[in-house]
Amino acid sequence: MNKTRIRPGTILSFLLNPRLLLCVGIGWLVTNGWAYILLALGTALRIGWMIAVSSAYMAFLWFPFTPEKIVTLILAIALLRLFFPHDRRTLKRLRVLKRWAIMKWHGQKKRKVKREK
């Protein structure tokens, strides 16, 4: 069996883990959510600077080179390790997915297997 193959169900079960979803939500609030909250408050309270700052940040997020999603994911993984350090199953799956991504990124070198006759 090919050890570099990851089933979609494995990735899906990892991504839908409640602990990871909590950490992704907190990471999203840190990177993006504040702008949406500030826009809603600024609109409700009619505060111009809140609307201007949040609108400018959200406009910046639409540029193709913004690393916001990568930062959110890295922050979520760091929060997962901080909040749930004893969750061996999720952290093991994270290490397996990291190893798989590194192998896919660098390209797996095929080994020649000697067959005995």
N, C-alpha and C. Protein backbone atom coordinates (compact mmCIF):
# COMPACT_ATOMS: atom_id res chain seq x y z
N MET A 1 0.83 -1.18 0.00
CA MET A 1 0.00 0.00 0.00
C MET A 1 0.88 1.25 0.00
N ASN A 2 0.48 2.22 -0.74
CA ASN A 2 1.23 3.45 -0.85
C ASN A 2 1.03 4.29 0.41
N LYS A 3 2.11 4.60 1.12
CA LYS A 3 2.01 5.31 2.40
C LYS A 3 1.79 6.80 2.21
N THR A 4 1.94 7.31 1.00
CA THR A 4 1.74 8.73 0.79
C THR A 4 0.30 9.06 0.45
N ARG A 5 -0.55 8.07 0.29
CA ARG A 5 -1.95 8.33 -0.03
C ARG A 5 -2.72 8.61 1.25
N ILE A 6 -3.44 9.69 1.24
CA ILE A 6 -4.30 10.07 2.35
C ILE A 6 -5.73 10.04 1.81
N ARG A 7 -6.58 9.32 2.50
CA ARG A 7 -7.96 9.24 2.06
C ARG A 7 -8.67 10.56 2.35
N PRO A 8 -9.61 10.94 1.49
CA PRO A 8 -10.36 12.19 1.73
C PRO A 8 -11.13 12.15 3.06
N GLY A 9 -11.59 10.99 3.47
CA GLY A 9 -12.29 10.88 4.74
C GLY A 9 -11.40 11.22 5.92
N THR A 10 -10.13 10.88 5.82
CA THR A 10 -9.17 11.20 6.89
C THR A 10 -9.01 12.71 7.01
N ILE A 11 -8.85 13.37 5.90
CA ILE A 11 -8.70 14.82 5.91
C ILE A 11 -9.98 15.48 6.38
N LEU A 12 -11.13 14.98 5.91
CA LEU A 12 -12.41 15.56 6.30
C LEU A 12 -12.67 15.40 7.80
N SER A 13 -12.36 14.23 8.33
CA SER A 13 -12.57 14.02 9.77
C SER A 13 -11.63 14.90 10.59
N PHE A 14 -10.44 15.17 10.08
CA PHE A 14 -9.51 16.07 10.76
C PHE A 14 -10.03 17.51 10.74
N LEU A 15 -10.53 17.94 9.59
CA LEU A 15 -10.99 19.32 9.46
C LEU A 15 -12.29 19.58 10.21
N LEU A 16 -13.12 18.55 10.40
CA LEU A 16 -14.38 18.72 11.10
C LEU A 16 -14.28 18.38 12.58
N ASN A 17 -13.08 18.25 13.09
CA ASN A 17 -12.84 18.01 14.50
C ASN A 17 -13.32 19.23 15.28
N PRO A 18 -14.16 19.04 16.31
CA PRO A 18 -14.68 20.20 17.05
C PRO A 18 -13.59 21.06 17.68
N ARG A 19 -12.52 20.44 18.14
CA ARG A 19 -11.43 21.22 18.74
C ARG A 19 -10.74 22.09 17.71
N LEU A 20 -10.51 21.52 16.54
CA LEU A 20 -9.88 22.30 15.48
C LEU A 20 -10.82 23.40 14.99
N LEU A 21 -12.12 23.10 14.88
CA LEU A 21 -13.07 24.12 14.46
C LEU A 21 -13.11 25.28 15.44
N LEU A 22 -13.03 24.99 16.72
CA LEU A 22 -12.98 26.05 17.73
C LEU A 22 -11.74 26.92 17.53
N CYS A 23 -10.61 26.29 17.32
CA CYS A 23 -9.36 27.04 17.13
C CYS A 23 -9.36 27.83 15.83
N VAL A 24 -9.96 27.27 14.77
CA VAL A 24 -10.07 28.00 13.51
C VAL A 24 -10.98 29.21 13.70
N GLY A 25 -12.06 29.04 14.45
CA GLY A 25 -12.95 30.17 14.72
C GLY A 25 -12.27 31.28 15.48
N ILE A 26 -11.49 30.91 16.49
CA ILE A 26 -10.75 31.93 17.25
C ILE A 26 -9.69 32.59 16.36
N GLY A 27 -9.00 31.78 15.56
CA GLY A 27 -8.00 32.34 14.64
C GLY A 27 -8.63 33.27 13.61
N TRP A 28 -9.83 32.90 13.14
CA TRP A 28 -10.53 33.77 12.18
C TRP A 28 -10.93 35.08 12.84
N LEU A 29 -11.38 35.02 14.10
CA LEU A 29 -11.73 36.25 14.80
C LEU A 29 -10.52 37.17 14.96
N VAL A 30 -9.37 36.57 15.18
CA VAL A 30 -8.15 37.38 15.34
C VAL A 30 -7.73 38.01 14.01
N THR A 31 -7.84 37.25 12.92
CA THR A 31 -7.35 37.77 11.64
C THR A 31 -8.40 38.55 10.85
N ASN A 32 -9.68 38.15 10.92
CA ASN A 32 -10.72 38.79 10.12
C ASN A 32 -11.91 39.29 10.90
N GLY A 33 -12.30 38.53 11.89
CA GLY A 33 -13.55 38.78 12.58
C GLY A 33 -13.65 40.16 13.21
N TRP A 34 -12.52 40.66 13.68
CA TRP A 34 -12.54 41.99 14.29
C TRP A 34 -13.02 43.04 13.31
N ALA A 35 -12.67 42.88 12.03
CA ALA A 35 -13.06 43.86 11.02
C ALA A 35 -14.57 43.83 10.79
N TYR A 36 -15.16 42.63 10.77
CA TYR A 36 -16.60 42.52 10.60
C TYR A 36 -17.34 43.07 11.82
N ILE A 37 -16.83 42.78 13.00
CA ILE A 37 -17.44 43.30 14.23
C ILE A 37 -17.34 44.83 14.27
N LEU A 38 -16.17 45.33 13.90
CA LEU A 38 -15.96 46.78 13.89
C LEU A 38 -16.87 47.46 12.86
N LEU A 39 -17.06 46.82 11.70
CA LEU A 39 -17.95 47.38 10.68
C LEU A 39 -19.40 47.41 11.17
N ALA A 40 -19.82 46.32 11.82
CA ALA A 40 -21.19 46.28 12.33
C ALA A 40 -21.41 47.32 13.42
N LEU A 41 -20.45 47.43 14.35
CA LEU A 41 -20.56 48.43 15.42
C LEU A 41 -20.50 49.85 14.87
N GLY A 42 -19.59 50.07 13.93
CA GLY A 42 -19.46 51.40 13.34
C GLY A 42 -20.70 51.82 12.58
N THR A 43 -21.32 50.86 11.90
CA THR A 43 -22.54 51.17 11.17
C THR A 43 -23.70 51.43 12.13
N ALA A 44 -23.81 50.59 13.16
CA ALA A 44 -24.91 50.74 14.12
C ALA A 44 -24.78 52.03 14.93
N LEU A 45 -23.56 52.36 15.33
CA LEU A 45 -23.34 53.54 16.16
C LEU A 45 -22.98 54.79 15.36
N ARG A 46 -22.86 54.64 14.05
CA ARG A 46 -22.52 55.74 13.13
C ARG A 46 -21.18 56.40 13.50
N ILE A 47 -20.16 55.53 13.64
CA ILE A 47 -18.81 56.02 13.95
C ILE A 47 -17.97 55.84 12.68
N GLY A 48 -17.55 56.95 12.12
CA GLY A 48 -16.89 56.94 10.82
C GLY A 48 -15.56 56.23 10.79
N TRP A 49 -14.73 56.41 11.80
CA TRP A 49 -13.40 55.81 11.77
C TRP A 49 -13.48 54.29 11.85
N MET A 50 -14.49 53.76 12.58
CA MET A 50 -14.65 52.30 12.64
C MET A 50 -15.00 51.74 11.27
N ILE A 51 -15.88 52.41 10.60
CA ILE A 51 -16.28 51.97 9.25
C ILE A 51 -15.10 52.07 8.30
N ALA A 52 -14.33 53.14 8.39
CA ALA A 52 -13.20 53.34 7.48
C ALA A 52 -12.10 52.30 7.70
N VAL A 53 -11.74 52.05 8.96
CA VAL A 53 -10.67 51.09 9.25
C VAL A 53 -11.08 49.68 8.84
N SER A 54 -12.28 49.28 9.22
CA SER A 54 -12.70 47.91 8.89
C SER A 54 -12.90 47.73 7.39
N SER A 55 -13.42 48.73 6.72
CA SER A 55 -13.60 48.64 5.26
C SER A 55 -12.26 48.57 4.54
N ALA A 56 -11.31 49.36 4.99
CA ALA A 56 -9.98 49.33 4.36
C ALA A 56 -9.31 47.97 4.56
N TYR A 57 -9.43 47.39 5.75
CA TYR A 57 -8.83 46.08 5.99
C TYR A 57 -9.52 45.01 5.15
N MET A 58 -10.85 45.05 5.08
CA MET A 58 -11.56 44.06 4.27
C MET A 58 -11.26 44.22 2.79
N ALA A 59 -11.06 45.44 2.33
CA ALA A 59 -10.67 45.65 0.93
C ALA A 59 -9.28 45.09 0.68
N PHE A 60 -8.39 45.23 1.67
CA PHE A 60 -7.04 44.67 1.56
C PHE A 60 -7.08 43.16 1.44
N LEU A 61 -8.03 42.52 2.10
CA LEU A 61 -8.13 41.06 2.06
C LEU A 61 -8.51 40.53 0.67
N TRP A 62 -9.08 41.36 -0.17
CA TRP A 62 -9.48 40.92 -1.50
C TRP A 62 -8.31 40.88 -2.48
N PHE A 63 -7.17 41.44 -2.10
CA PHE A 63 -6.00 41.35 -2.97
C PHE A 63 -5.54 39.90 -3.02
N PRO A 64 -5.04 39.45 -4.16
CA PRO A 64 -4.65 38.04 -4.27
C PRO A 64 -3.40 37.65 -3.48
N PHE A 65 -2.60 38.60 -3.07
CA PHE A 65 -1.34 38.25 -2.41
C PHE A 65 -1.43 38.26 -0.88
N THR A 66 -2.59 38.49 -0.32
CA THR A 66 -2.70 38.55 1.14
C THR A 66 -2.59 37.15 1.74
N PRO A 67 -1.75 36.98 2.73
CA PRO A 67 -1.54 35.65 3.33
C PRO A 67 -2.50 35.37 4.48
N GLU A 68 -3.67 35.97 4.47
CA GLU A 68 -4.60 35.89 5.59
C GLU A 68 -5.05 34.47 5.89
N LYS A 69 -5.36 33.69 4.88
CA LYS A 69 -5.82 32.32 5.11
C LYS A 69 -4.70 31.44 5.67
N ILE A 70 -3.50 31.65 5.20
CA ILE A 70 -2.36 30.89 5.70
C ILE A 70 -2.09 31.27 7.15
N VAL A 71 -2.16 32.55 7.46
CA VAL A 71 -1.95 33.01 8.83
C VAL A 71 -3.04 32.46 9.75
N THR A 72 -4.28 32.44 9.27
CA THR A 72 -5.38 31.90 10.07
C THR A 72 -5.16 30.43 10.36
N LEU A 73 -4.74 29.66 9.37
CA LEU A 73 -4.51 28.23 9.57
C LEU A 73 -3.33 27.99 10.52
N ILE A 74 -2.26 28.73 10.37
CA ILE A 74 -1.10 28.58 11.27
C ILE A 74 -1.49 28.96 12.69
N LEU A 75 -2.25 30.02 12.83
CA LEU A 75 -2.71 30.44 14.15
C LEU A 75 -3.64 29.39 14.77
N ALA A 76 -4.51 28.79 13.95
CA ALA A 76 -5.42 27.76 14.45
C ALA A 76 -4.65 26.53 14.94
N ILE A 77 -3.63 26.13 14.21
CA ILE A 77 -2.83 24.98 14.63
C ILE A 77 -2.05 25.30 15.90
N ALA A 78 -1.53 26.52 16.00
CA ALA A 78 -0.83 26.92 17.22
C ALA A 78 -1.78 26.95 18.41
N LEU A 79 -3.00 27.44 18.21
CA LEU A 79 -3.99 27.45 19.28
C LEU A 79 -4.41 26.04 19.67
N LEU A 80 -4.48 25.15 18.68
CA LEU A 80 -4.82 23.76 18.95
C LEU A 80 -3.77 23.12 19.85
N ARG A 81 -2.52 23.37 19.54
CA ARG A 81 -1.44 22.84 20.37
C ARG A 81 -1.40 23.48 21.75
N LEU A 82 -1.80 24.75 21.84
CA LEU A 82 -1.80 25.44 23.12
C LEU A 82 -2.98 25.02 24.00
N PHE A 83 -4.17 24.99 23.43
CA PHE A 83 -5.37 24.69 24.20
C PHE A 83 -5.55 23.20 24.49
N PHE A 84 -5.16 22.35 23.56
CA PHE A 84 -5.38 20.91 23.69
C PHE A 84 -4.07 20.13 23.51
N PRO A 85 -3.12 20.27 24.43
CA PRO A 85 -1.83 19.61 24.25
C PRO A 85 -1.89 18.10 24.45
N HIS A 86 -2.93 17.60 25.10
CA HIS A 86 -3.02 16.16 25.36
C HIS A 86 -3.93 15.44 24.37
N ASP A 87 -4.35 16.11 23.33
CA ASP A 87 -5.18 15.48 22.29
C ASP A 87 -4.26 14.77 21.30
N ARG A 88 -3.83 13.59 21.69
CA ARG A 88 -2.84 12.85 20.89
C ARG A 88 -3.35 12.50 19.50
N ARG A 89 -4.62 12.17 19.41
CA ARG A 89 -5.16 11.72 18.12
C ARG A 89 -5.10 12.84 17.08
N THR A 90 -5.56 14.03 17.45
CA THR A 90 -5.55 15.15 16.51
C THR A 90 -4.13 15.58 16.18
N LEU A 91 -3.27 15.64 17.19
CA LEU A 91 -1.89 16.06 16.93
C LEU A 91 -1.14 15.03 16.08
N LYS A 92 -1.46 13.73 16.27
CA LYS A 92 -0.84 12.70 15.44
C LYS A 92 -1.31 12.84 14.00
N ARG A 93 -2.60 13.07 13.82
CA ARG A 93 -3.13 13.25 12.46
C ARG A 93 -2.51 14.50 11.82
N LEU A 94 -2.27 15.53 12.61
CA LEU A 94 -1.63 16.74 12.10
C LEU A 94 -0.20 16.45 11.63
N ARG A 95 0.54 15.65 12.41
CA ARG A 95 1.90 15.28 11.99
C ARG A 95 1.88 14.43 10.73
N VAL A 96 0.90 13.52 10.60
CA VAL A 96 0.80 12.68 9.40
C VAL A 96 0.48 13.54 8.18
N LEU A 97 -0.45 14.48 8.34
CA LEU A 97 -0.78 15.36 7.22
C LEU A 97 0.39 16.27 6.85
N LYS A 98 1.16 16.69 7.84
CA LYS A 98 2.34 17.51 7.57
C LYS A 98 3.36 16.71 6.77
N ARG A 99 3.60 15.47 7.20
CA ARG A 99 4.55 14.61 6.49
C ARG A 99 4.08 14.36 5.06
N TRP A 100 2.76 14.13 4.89
CA TRP A 100 2.19 13.90 3.57
C TRP A 100 2.37 15.14 2.69
N ALA A 101 2.12 16.34 3.25
CA ALA A 101 2.25 17.57 2.47
C ALA A 101 3.70 17.82 2.06
N ILE A 102 4.63 17.52 2.96
CA ILE A 102 6.04 17.70 2.63
C ILE A 102 6.45 16.74 1.52
N MET A 103 5.97 15.51 1.59
CA MET A 103 6.30 14.54 0.53
C MET A 103 5.71 14.97 -0.80
N LYS A 104 4.49 15.49 -0.79
CA LYS A 104 3.86 15.95 -2.03
C LYS A 104 4.56 17.20 -2.56
N TRP A 105 4.99 18.08 -1.66
CA TRP A 105 5.64 19.32 -2.07
C TRP A 105 6.99 19.04 -2.72
N HIS A 106 7.78 18.18 -2.10
CA HIS A 106 9.11 17.91 -2.62
C HIS A 106 9.13 16.79 -3.65
N GLY A 107 8.06 16.08 -3.79
CA GLY A 107 8.02 14.97 -4.72
C GLY A 107 8.68 13.75 -4.12
N GLN A 108 7.92 12.70 -4.06
CA GLN A 108 8.44 11.49 -3.44
C GLN A 108 9.38 10.79 -4.41
N LYS A 109 10.52 10.42 -3.90
CA LYS A 109 11.48 9.69 -4.72
C LYS A 109 11.10 8.22 -4.69
N LYS A 110 11.00 7.63 -5.86
CA LYS A 110 10.63 6.23 -5.93
C LYS A 110 11.82 5.35 -5.61
N ARG A 111 11.58 4.41 -4.76
CA ARG A 111 12.65 3.48 -4.39
C ARG A 111 12.55 2.24 -5.26
N LYS A 112 13.68 1.76 -5.63
CA LYS A 112 13.70 0.53 -6.39
C LYS A 112 13.70 -0.64 -5.42
N VAL A 113 12.73 -1.50 -5.62
CA VAL A 113 12.60 -2.64 -4.74
C VAL A 113 13.23 -3.85 -5.43
N LYS A 114 14.14 -4.48 -4.73
CA LYS A 114 14.77 -5.68 -5.29
C LYS A 114 13.87 -6.87 -5.03
N ARG A 115 13.55 -7.56 -6.08
CA ARG A 115 12.71 -8.75 -5.93
C ARG A 115 13.58 -9.99 -5.91
N GLU A 116 13.26 -10.83 -4.98
CA GLU A 116 14.00 -12.08 -4.90
C GLU A 116 13.33 -13.10 -5.78
N LYS A 117 14.14 -13.88 -6.47
CA LYS A 117 13.58 -14.88 -7.37
C LYS A 117 13.64 -16.24 -6.76
